[in-house]
Amino acid sequence: MTARRERGLAARFLLAQLLVVAASVLAAAVVASLAGPPLFHEHLVRAGAEPDPAQLMHVERAYRDAGLWTLGVALVTALACALAVSASLARRLRGPLAALTRAAQDLARGRWGARVPAMGAGSEVDALAAAFNAMAAELEATEGVRRRMLSDLAHEMRTPLSVLGVYLEGLEDGVTEFDASTGAVLAEQLSRLTRLVEDIDDVSRAEEGRMVLERSPVPVAQLLGAAADAAREACAAKGVALRVEDGTAGAVLPVDPQRMGQVLGNLLSNALRHTPPGGEMVLGAARLGTTAVVLRVADTGEGIAAEHLPHVFERFYRGDTARDREHGGSGIGLTISKALVEAHGGALEASSAGPGRGAEFRAVLPVRCPASSEGTAPSEHAVPAGDPGLLKHTPGGYSLGFTDGPRPARRAAAPEPPPTSHSRGRSSS
């Protein structure tokens, strides 16, 4: 059995207009046939004309015939106009729709640069083209992130696997002896691989809403103090001052203390990585009205270039592509931090005044638990623009790029002192 062939756009327009024309002509014919002759006869009588019945019959028949001829000519004219209008509309819409079809087929073939120009076929069609172009741009960006993620993932795994392979070959050939130093190197590389797998798993579970949060009322001062204590030794070793500012007056947040400690640890570790000796970091908190608390981490370090800001929450994104995991983090710490904040019903944003002018990030957390303790929907409390009345800003603005801080529930450890690299790009580790 052959598939039924769908009618084209022009045929559908023509059929619709033919139905309208047919219904209109039929209604006009019925009304003219039923109401016209009596009205005509009444006007003849009122005019004083008293023709005999034969004449009256001929007059009324002439009226009826004239009406039918008029309706017939109108019907033919309407059909011709319907055909012309249908063809014109179909031709006007067929071009943009065909362009959309070709662009969609190109996207299906993996040609992510396919776009549809605005062709003036009406505001609705132009809106459809704009929505398609936005979708295509998102797909292109997603594909770019996927390719970069696979490349970076292979790069992240290559070094520890190469080290493990070399040592294993040396042990098999008897060139290397298994001693404490060899065991430490192997354990370190295995730890790097394990950490990478756990990071990816954390991101996936948080973004998919599978992150289980063990919430409890935690004072903001306790969160700030624990995070500052974990980072203080590393800051002192590098010569960076760490200042804590708590303006919440004893506020309490319903959060998972381990997960929120991971967020703050990521941010502090990243800020330290990008702050030179002699610089300063600020870990602060302030109330946002009566419904939310703002946590912030600011530094006076390298800052962030504007072109990197739209990509900071992407997995494996690094502002400086030359940085590896040791010097730029894993590239997913910011993604993890954002997902964890949103899992708490909050929102996270990052910004900077520019390279060399420091950076700051803000996390807005509600003071009450959202409806679902495991959901990952962002909070209604959007991160506000800079408001000097709420927070004391350092020259940096918002923060970008994170390194891997302490991990909860997996034998958390304080962030290690980062190397004193001064690259301008930041990672989203």
Protein backbone atom coordinates (compact mmCIF):
# COMPACT_ATOMS: atom_id res chain seq x y z
CA MET A 1 0.00 0.00 0.00
CA THR A 2 1.45 3.32 -1.06
CA ALA A 3 1.66 6.13 1.46
CA ARG A 4 -0.89 8.88 1.08
CA ARG A 5 0.63 11.92 -0.54
CA GLU A 6 0.26 15.06 1.54
CA ARG A 7 -1.14 18.14 -0.13
CA GLY A 8 1.24 21.01 -0.68
CA LEU A 9 0.95 24.44 0.88
CA ALA A 10 -0.55 26.04 -2.26
CA ALA A 11 -3.19 23.31 -2.56
CA ARG A 12 -4.19 23.75 1.08
CA PHE A 13 -4.48 27.53 0.73
CA LEU A 14 -6.56 27.14 -2.44
CA LEU A 15 -8.85 24.52 -0.89
CA ALA A 16 -9.43 26.72 2.16
CA GLN A 17 -10.32 29.73 0.05
CA LEU A 18 -12.54 27.67 -2.25
CA LEU A 19 -14.53 26.49 0.74
CA VAL A 20 -14.96 30.09 1.90
CA VAL A 21 -16.01 31.25 -1.60
CA ALA A 22 -18.42 28.34 -2.07
CA ALA A 23 -20.06 28.91 1.30
CA SER A 24 -20.39 32.65 0.63
CA VAL A 25 -21.90 32.21 -2.87
CA LEU A 26 -24.29 29.51 -1.67
CA ALA A 27 -25.51 31.72 1.16
CA ALA A 28 -25.93 34.67 -1.19
CA ALA A 29 -27.87 32.53 -3.72
CA VAL A 30 -30.25 31.16 -1.09
CA VAL A 31 -30.92 34.60 0.35
CA ALA A 32 -31.39 36.18 -3.09
CA SER A 33 -33.77 33.39 -4.20
CA LEU A 34 -35.93 33.40 -1.09
CA ALA A 35 -35.95 37.04 -0.06
CA GLY A 36 -35.31 38.86 -3.35
CA PRO A 37 -38.52 38.18 -5.36
CA PRO A 38 -40.96 39.05 -2.54
CA LEU A 39 -39.15 42.27 -1.83
CA PHE A 40 -39.07 43.14 -5.55
CA HIS A 41 -42.80 42.41 -5.88
CA GLU A 42 -43.58 44.57 -2.83
CA HIS A 43 -41.67 47.52 -4.28
CA LEU A 44 -43.54 47.19 -7.59
CA VAL A 45 -46.88 47.36 -5.77
CA ARG A 46 -45.77 50.35 -3.72
CA ALA A 47 -44.68 52.11 -6.91
CA GLY A 48 -48.30 51.87 -8.22
CA ALA A 49 -47.49 49.43 -10.99
CA GLU A 50 -50.21 46.77 -11.36
CA PRO A 51 -49.03 44.45 -14.15
CA ASP A 52 -51.08 41.38 -15.00
CA PRO A 53 -49.88 38.06 -13.62
CA ALA A 54 -48.04 37.08 -16.82
CA GLN A 55 -46.04 40.32 -16.85
CA LEU A 56 -45.33 40.01 -13.15
CA MET A 57 -43.97 36.49 -13.67
CA HIS A 58 -41.63 37.70 -16.43
CA VAL A 59 -40.42 40.64 -14.33
CA GLU A 60 -39.66 38.45 -11.33
CA ARG A 61 -37.93 35.87 -13.55
CA ALA A 62 -35.79 38.65 -15.06
CA TYR A 63 -34.81 39.73 -11.54
CA ARG A 64 -33.95 36.17 -10.57
CA ASP A 65 -31.90 35.57 -13.71
CA ALA A 66 -30.00 38.84 -13.27
CA GLY A 67 -29.18 37.85 -9.69
CA LEU A 68 -27.97 34.42 -10.75
CA TRP A 69 -25.79 35.89 -13.50
CA THR A 70 -24.37 38.36 -11.02
CA LEU A 71 -23.60 35.59 -8.55
CA GLY A 72 -22.04 33.49 -11.32
CA VAL A 73 -19.71 36.27 -12.42
CA ALA A 74 -18.83 36.98 -8.78
CA LEU A 75 -18.10 33.29 -8.24
CA VAL A 76 -15.72 33.11 -11.19
CA THR A 77 -14.01 36.31 -10.11
CA ALA A 78 -13.68 35.05 -6.53
CA LEU A 79 -12.23 31.74 -7.73
CA ALA A 80 -9.65 33.51 -9.85
CA CYS A 81 -8.70 35.79 -6.96
CA ALA A 82 -8.49 32.83 -4.57
CA LEU A 83 -6.20 30.99 -6.97
CA ALA A 84 -3.94 34.03 -7.39
CA VAL A 85 -3.80 34.81 -3.67
CA SER A 86 -3.15 31.18 -2.76
CA ALA A 87 -0.32 30.92 -5.27
CA SER A 88 1.19 34.20 -4.08
CA LEU A 89 1.04 33.26 -0.39
CA ALA A 90 2.37 29.78 -1.04
CA ARG A 91 5.25 31.15 -3.10
CA ARG A 92 6.03 33.72 -0.41
CA LEU A 93 6.11 31.11 2.33
CA ARG A 94 7.65 28.29 0.33
CA GLY A 95 11.04 30.01 0.06
CA PRO A 96 11.59 30.58 3.80
CA LEU A 97 10.21 27.14 4.67
CA ALA A 98 12.45 25.51 2.10
CA ALA A 99 15.42 27.40 3.56
CA LEU A 100 14.46 26.23 7.04
CA THR A 101 14.18 22.66 5.77
CA ARG A 102 17.61 22.79 4.14
CA ALA A 103 19.15 24.31 7.26
CA ALA A 104 17.54 21.63 9.46
CA GLN A 105 18.86 18.93 7.15
CA ASP A 106 22.32 20.49 7.33
CA LEU A 107 22.15 20.42 11.12
CA ALA A 108 21.10 16.78 10.99
CA ARG A 109 24.22 16.08 8.90
CA GLY A 110 26.44 17.78 11.46
CA ARG A 111 26.91 21.11 9.67
CA TRP A 112 26.54 23.23 12.77
CA GLY A 113 27.10 26.55 11.03
CA ALA A 114 23.77 26.38 9.13
CA ARG A 115 21.69 29.53 9.58
CA VAL A 116 18.54 31.02 8.04
CA PRO A 117 18.47 34.71 7.08
CA ALA A 118 15.39 36.85 7.71
CA MET A 119 13.49 36.91 4.41
CA GLY A 120 10.60 39.27 5.18
CA ALA A 121 7.87 36.63 4.93
CA GLY A 122 6.03 38.01 7.93
CA SER A 123 6.77 38.52 11.60
CA GLU A 124 5.79 34.93 12.45
CA VAL A 125 8.14 33.40 9.89
CA ASP A 126 10.93 35.79 10.89
CA ALA A 127 10.39 34.82 14.54
CA LEU A 128 10.61 31.16 13.55
CA ALA A 129 13.85 31.82 11.66
CA ALA A 130 15.30 33.70 14.64
CA ALA A 131 14.34 30.84 16.99
CA PHE A 132 15.91 28.33 14.61
CA ASN A 133 19.11 30.35 14.41
CA ALA A 134 19.25 30.57 18.20
CA MET A 135 18.77 26.81 18.44
CA ALA A 136 21.47 26.22 15.82
CA ALA A 137 23.87 28.50 17.69
CA GLU A 138 23.23 26.61 20.93
CA LEU A 139 23.77 23.28 19.18
CA GLU A 140 26.98 24.58 17.63
CA ALA A 141 28.22 25.78 21.02
CA THR A 142 27.24 22.49 22.65
CA GLU A 143 29.06 20.54 19.97
CA GLY A 144 32.11 22.72 20.49
CA VAL A 145 31.99 22.07 24.22
CA ARG A 146 31.60 18.34 23.60
CA ARG A 147 34.60 18.22 21.30
CA ARG A 148 36.69 20.31 23.63
CA MET A 149 35.57 18.19 26.57
CA LEU A 150 36.62 14.97 24.83
CA SER A 151 39.94 16.52 23.86
CA ASP A 152 40.57 17.86 27.36
CA LEU A 153 39.44 14.61 28.96
CA ALA A 154 41.92 12.70 26.82
CA HIS A 155 44.60 15.23 27.74
CA GLU A 156 43.78 14.98 31.44
CA MET A 157 44.01 11.19 31.37
CA ARG A 158 47.06 10.98 29.12
CA THR A 159 49.61 12.20 31.67
CA PRO A 160 48.74 9.90 34.60
CA LEU A 161 48.25 6.94 32.27
CA SER A 162 51.62 7.61 30.61
CA VAL A 163 53.33 7.83 33.99
CA LEU A 164 51.68 4.61 35.15
CA GLY A 165 52.66 2.90 31.91
CA VAL A 166 56.28 3.98 32.16
CA TYR A 167 56.63 2.86 35.77
CA LEU A 168 54.88 -0.44 35.06
CA GLU A 169 57.22 -1.10 32.14
CA GLY A 170 60.20 -0.19 34.29
CA LEU A 171 59.07 -2.56 37.03
CA GLU A 172 58.56 -5.38 34.53
CA ASP A 173 62.01 -4.83 32.99
CA GLY A 174 63.68 -4.54 36.39
CA VAL A 175 64.89 -1.01 35.65
CA THR A 176 62.80 0.44 38.49
CA GLU A 177 62.40 -1.01 41.95
CA PHE A 178 59.15 -0.74 43.85
CA ASP A 179 60.07 1.40 46.82
CA ALA A 180 58.35 4.14 48.80
CA SER A 181 59.10 6.76 46.15
CA THR A 182 57.72 4.62 43.32
CA GLY A 183 54.63 3.76 45.35
CA ALA A 184 54.02 7.46 46.07
CA VAL A 185 54.22 8.34 42.36
CA LEU A 186 51.83 5.55 41.38
CA ALA A 187 49.42 6.47 44.17
CA GLU A 188 49.49 10.13 43.10
CA GLN A 189 48.66 9.30 39.48
CA LEU A 190 45.89 6.92 40.50
CA SER A 191 44.54 9.63 42.78
CA ARG A 192 44.44 12.07 39.87
CA LEU A 193 42.45 9.62 37.76
CA THR A 194 40.10 8.87 40.62
CA ARG A 195 39.60 12.57 41.31
CA LEU A 196 38.80 13.24 37.65
CA VAL A 197 36.21 10.46 37.54
CA GLU A 198 34.62 11.69 40.77
CA ASP A 199 34.49 15.26 39.47
CA ILE A 200 32.71 14.19 36.28
CA ASP A 201 30.31 12.04 38.28
CA ASP A 202 29.56 14.95 40.63
CA VAL A 203 28.76 17.26 37.73
CA SER A 204 26.52 14.71 36.03
CA ARG A 205 24.59 13.89 39.19
CA ALA A 206 24.12 17.53 40.15
CA GLU A 207 23.01 18.66 36.67
CA GLU A 208 20.62 15.71 36.31
CA GLY A 209 19.03 16.27 39.71
CA ARG A 210 20.47 13.08 41.24
CA MET A 211 22.51 14.89 43.86
CA VAL A 212 21.34 13.91 47.35
CA LEU A 213 21.78 16.78 49.79
CA GLU A 214 21.99 16.15 53.52
CA ARG A 215 20.61 19.49 54.64
CA SER A 216 20.84 20.85 58.13
CA PRO A 217 20.67 24.35 59.65
CA VAL A 218 24.22 25.69 59.44
CA PRO A 219 25.28 29.13 60.71
CA VAL A 220 26.87 31.26 58.01
CA ALA A 221 29.74 32.04 60.37
CA GLN A 222 30.47 28.32 60.65
CA LEU A 223 30.59 27.91 56.86
CA LEU A 224 32.93 30.88 56.47
CA GLY A 225 35.14 29.81 59.36
CA ALA A 226 35.58 26.24 58.15
CA ALA A 227 36.39 27.36 54.61
CA ALA A 228 38.83 30.02 55.82
CA ASP A 229 40.59 27.58 58.17
CA ALA A 230 41.05 25.08 55.34
CA ALA A 231 42.62 27.71 53.07
CA ARG A 232 44.57 29.77 55.61
CA GLU A 233 47.73 27.66 55.59
CA ALA A 234 47.99 27.69 51.80
CA CYS A 235 47.41 31.46 51.75
CA ALA A 236 50.14 32.01 54.33
CA ALA A 237 52.55 29.81 52.38
CA LYS A 238 52.04 31.95 49.28
CA GLY A 239 52.00 35.27 51.10
CA VAL A 240 48.38 36.13 50.32
CA ALA A 241 46.21 37.75 52.98
CA LEU A 242 42.81 36.17 53.66
CA ARG A 243 40.13 38.36 55.22
CA VAL A 244 36.71 37.15 56.43
CA GLU A 245 33.73 39.51 56.46
CA ASP A 246 30.47 38.23 57.95
CA GLY A 247 27.67 40.75 57.78
CA THR A 248 24.79 38.32 58.27
CA ALA A 249 24.38 38.83 62.03
CA GLY A 250 24.05 35.16 62.90
CA ALA A 251 22.09 34.02 59.84
CA VAL A 252 21.51 30.27 59.38
CA LEU A 253 21.26 28.50 56.03
CA PRO A 254 19.56 25.15 55.32
CA VAL A 255 22.43 23.61 53.35
CA ASP A 256 24.52 20.48 53.09
CA PRO A 257 27.63 21.62 54.98
CA GLN A 258 29.99 19.27 53.12
CA ARG A 259 28.74 20.27 49.68
CA MET A 260 28.73 23.97 50.50
CA GLY A 261 32.22 23.55 51.93
CA GLN A 262 33.22 22.04 48.59
CA VAL A 263 31.86 25.11 46.78
CA LEU A 264 33.69 27.58 49.00
CA GLY A 265 36.85 25.45 48.88
CA ASN A 266 36.77 25.47 45.08
CA LEU A 267 36.37 29.23 44.99
CA LEU A 268 39.07 29.97 47.56
CA SER A 269 41.52 27.58 45.94
CA ASN A 270 40.91 29.20 42.57
CA ALA A 271 41.26 32.73 43.96
CA LEU A 272 44.55 31.76 45.61
CA ARG A 273 45.83 30.22 42.40
CA HIS A 274 45.31 33.48 40.53
CA THR A 275 46.40 35.93 43.25
CA PRO A 276 50.10 36.84 43.34
CA PRO A 277 52.11 37.04 46.59
CA GLY A 278 51.24 40.19 48.48
CA GLY A 279 47.67 40.15 47.21
CA GLU A 280 44.48 39.81 49.20
CA MET A 281 41.45 37.51 49.19
CA VAL A 282 38.10 38.24 50.84
CA LEU A 283 35.59 35.63 51.97
CA GLY A 284 32.38 37.41 52.90
CA ALA A 285 28.66 37.09 53.45
CA ALA A 286 25.76 39.51 53.67
CA ARG A 287 22.00 39.41 53.87
CA LEU A 288 19.92 40.02 50.74
CA GLY A 289 16.68 41.31 52.18
CA THR A 290 14.93 38.78 54.41
CA THR A 291 14.86 35.87 51.97
CA ALA A 292 18.45 35.17 50.98
CA VAL A 293 22.11 35.37 51.95
CA VAL A 294 24.94 36.25 49.56
CA LEU A 295 28.28 34.45 49.89
CA ARG A 296 31.20 35.93 47.99
CA VAL A 297 34.87 35.28 47.32
CA ALA A 298 36.93 38.17 45.95
CA ASP A 299 40.60 38.53 45.08
CA THR A 300 43.03 41.15 43.80
CA GLY A 301 44.63 38.79 41.29
CA GLU A 302 44.80 38.36 37.55
CA GLY A 303 41.18 39.11 36.74
CA ILE A 304 39.23 37.77 33.79
CA ALA A 305 39.01 38.90 30.18
CA ALA A 306 35.48 39.73 29.02
CA GLU A 307 35.54 37.17 26.21
CA HIS A 308 35.96 34.33 28.72
CA LEU A 309 32.96 35.22 30.91
CA PRO A 310 30.22 33.62 28.76
CA HIS A 311 32.01 30.27 28.92
CA VAL A 312 33.05 30.01 32.55
CA PHE A 313 30.38 27.47 33.51
CA GLU A 314 31.24 25.09 30.67
CA ARG A 315 32.90 21.81 31.52
CA PHE A 316 36.65 21.70 30.98
CA TYR A 317 36.76 25.34 29.92
CA ARG A 318 40.05 27.16 30.52
CA GLY A 319 40.77 30.76 29.70
CA ASP A 320 44.36 29.78 28.94
CA THR A 321 44.44 26.62 26.83
CA ALA A 322 48.09 26.09 27.70
CA ARG A 323 47.25 25.35 31.35
CA ASP A 324 47.00 21.72 32.46
CA ARG A 325 45.35 20.20 35.51
CA GLU A 326 48.31 21.01 37.70
CA HIS A 327 48.34 24.69 36.73
CA GLY A 328 44.73 25.35 35.79
CA GLY A 329 42.60 22.83 37.65
CA SER A 330 40.48 20.10 36.10
CA GLY A 331 38.27 22.57 34.24
CA ILE A 332 35.01 21.49 35.89
CA GLY A 333 35.21 22.99 39.38
CA LEU A 334 33.09 25.98 38.40
CA THR A 335 30.57 23.67 36.77
CA ILE A 336 30.42 21.61 39.96
CA SER A 337 30.10 24.70 42.13
CA LYS A 338 27.29 26.16 40.02
CA ALA A 339 25.43 22.84 39.99
CA LEU A 340 25.76 22.48 43.76
CA VAL A 341 24.56 26.03 44.42
CA GLU A 342 21.56 25.51 42.14
CA ALA A 343 20.84 22.16 43.82
CA HIS A 344 20.44 24.22 47.02
CA GLY A 345 17.92 26.45 45.25
CA GLY A 346 20.44 29.26 44.77
CA ALA A 347 22.22 30.99 41.91
CA LEU A 348 25.86 31.59 41.07
CA GLU A 349 27.38 34.26 38.83
CA ALA A 350 30.88 35.44 38.03
CA SER A 351 32.36 38.69 36.72
CA SER A 352 35.52 40.75 36.65
CA ALA A 353 36.53 44.31 35.90
CA GLY A 354 39.14 42.95 33.51
CA PRO A 355 42.64 41.46 33.42
CA GLY A 356 44.81 42.57 36.31
CA ARG A 357 41.88 44.01 38.26
CA GLY A 358 40.88 41.05 40.37
CA ALA A 359 37.73 38.95 40.36
CA GLU A 360 34.78 38.07 42.55
CA PHE A 361 31.95 35.59 42.57
CA ARG A 362 28.60 35.63 44.36
CA ALA A 363 26.34 32.80 45.40
CA VAL A 364 22.82 33.71 46.46
CA LEU A 365 21.25 31.10 48.76
CA PRO A 366 17.69 31.16 50.11
CA VAL A 367 17.26 31.10 53.86
CA ARG A 368 14.46 28.54 53.51
CA CYS A 369 14.60 25.14 51.84
CA PRO A 370 13.06 25.01 48.34
CA ALA A 371 10.12 22.69 47.73
CA SER A 372 12.38 19.86 46.54
CA SER A 373 15.56 19.21 48.46
CA GLU A 374 17.06 17.39 45.51
CA GLY A 375 15.99 19.65 42.69
CA THR A 376 18.45 21.61 40.65
CA ALA A 377 16.21 24.45 39.52
CA PRO A 378 17.76 27.88 40.00
CA SER A 379 16.42 30.05 42.75
CA GLU A 380 14.10 32.96 42.14
CA HIS A 381 16.73 35.11 43.80
CA ALA A 382 18.80 36.11 40.82
CA VAL A 383 22.26 37.36 41.55
CA PRO A 384 21.90 41.14 41.64
CA ALA A 385 24.17 43.66 40.07
CA GLY A 386 26.73 45.29 42.28
CA ASP A 387 25.07 47.00 45.19
CA PRO A 388 27.53 48.71 47.50
CA GLY A 389 24.82 48.90 50.13
CA LEU A 390 24.68 45.12 50.40
CA LEU A 391 28.28 44.03 49.97
CA LYS A 392 31.67 45.63 50.22
CA HIS A 393 33.22 45.17 46.82
CA THR A 394 36.90 44.75 46.15
CA PRO A 395 38.12 46.22 42.88
CA GLY A 396 37.62 42.88 41.15
CA GLY A 397 33.87 42.44 40.78
CA TYR A 398 32.76 38.86 40.30
CA SER A 399 34.92 35.77 40.27
CA LEU A 400 35.54 33.26 37.51
CA GLY A 401 37.23 29.93 37.15
CA PHE A 402 37.63 27.48 39.94
CA THR A 403 40.06 24.86 41.04
CA ASP A 404 39.29 21.69 42.85
CA GLY A 405 38.70 22.39 46.50
CA PRO A 406 37.99 20.00 49.37
CA ARG A 407 35.70 17.11 48.46
CA PRO A 408 32.89 16.07 50.77
CA ALA A 409 31.99 12.50 51.67
CA ARG A 410 35.12 11.26 49.93
CA ARG A 411 37.79 11.96 52.50
CA ALA A 412 37.85 15.69 52.10
CA ALA A 413 41.20 17.41 52.26
CA ALA A 414 42.27 21.02 52.34
CA PRO A 415 43.28 22.54 49.00
CA GLU A 416 46.95 22.10 48.18
CA PRO A 417 49.03 25.24 47.68
CA PRO A 418 48.80 26.08 43.98
CA PRO A 419 51.83 26.86 41.86
CA THR A 420 52.75 30.51 41.51
CA SER A 421 51.89 30.76 37.84
CA HIS A 422 50.82 34.19 36.60
CA SER A 423 48.97 33.27 33.45
CA ARG A 424 46.25 35.74 32.56
CA GLY A 425 43.66 33.13 31.66
CA ARG A 426 41.55 31.44 34.28
CA SER A 427 40.17 27.94 34.21
CA SER A 428 36.69 26.84 35.15
CA SER A 429 38.18 24.05 37.15
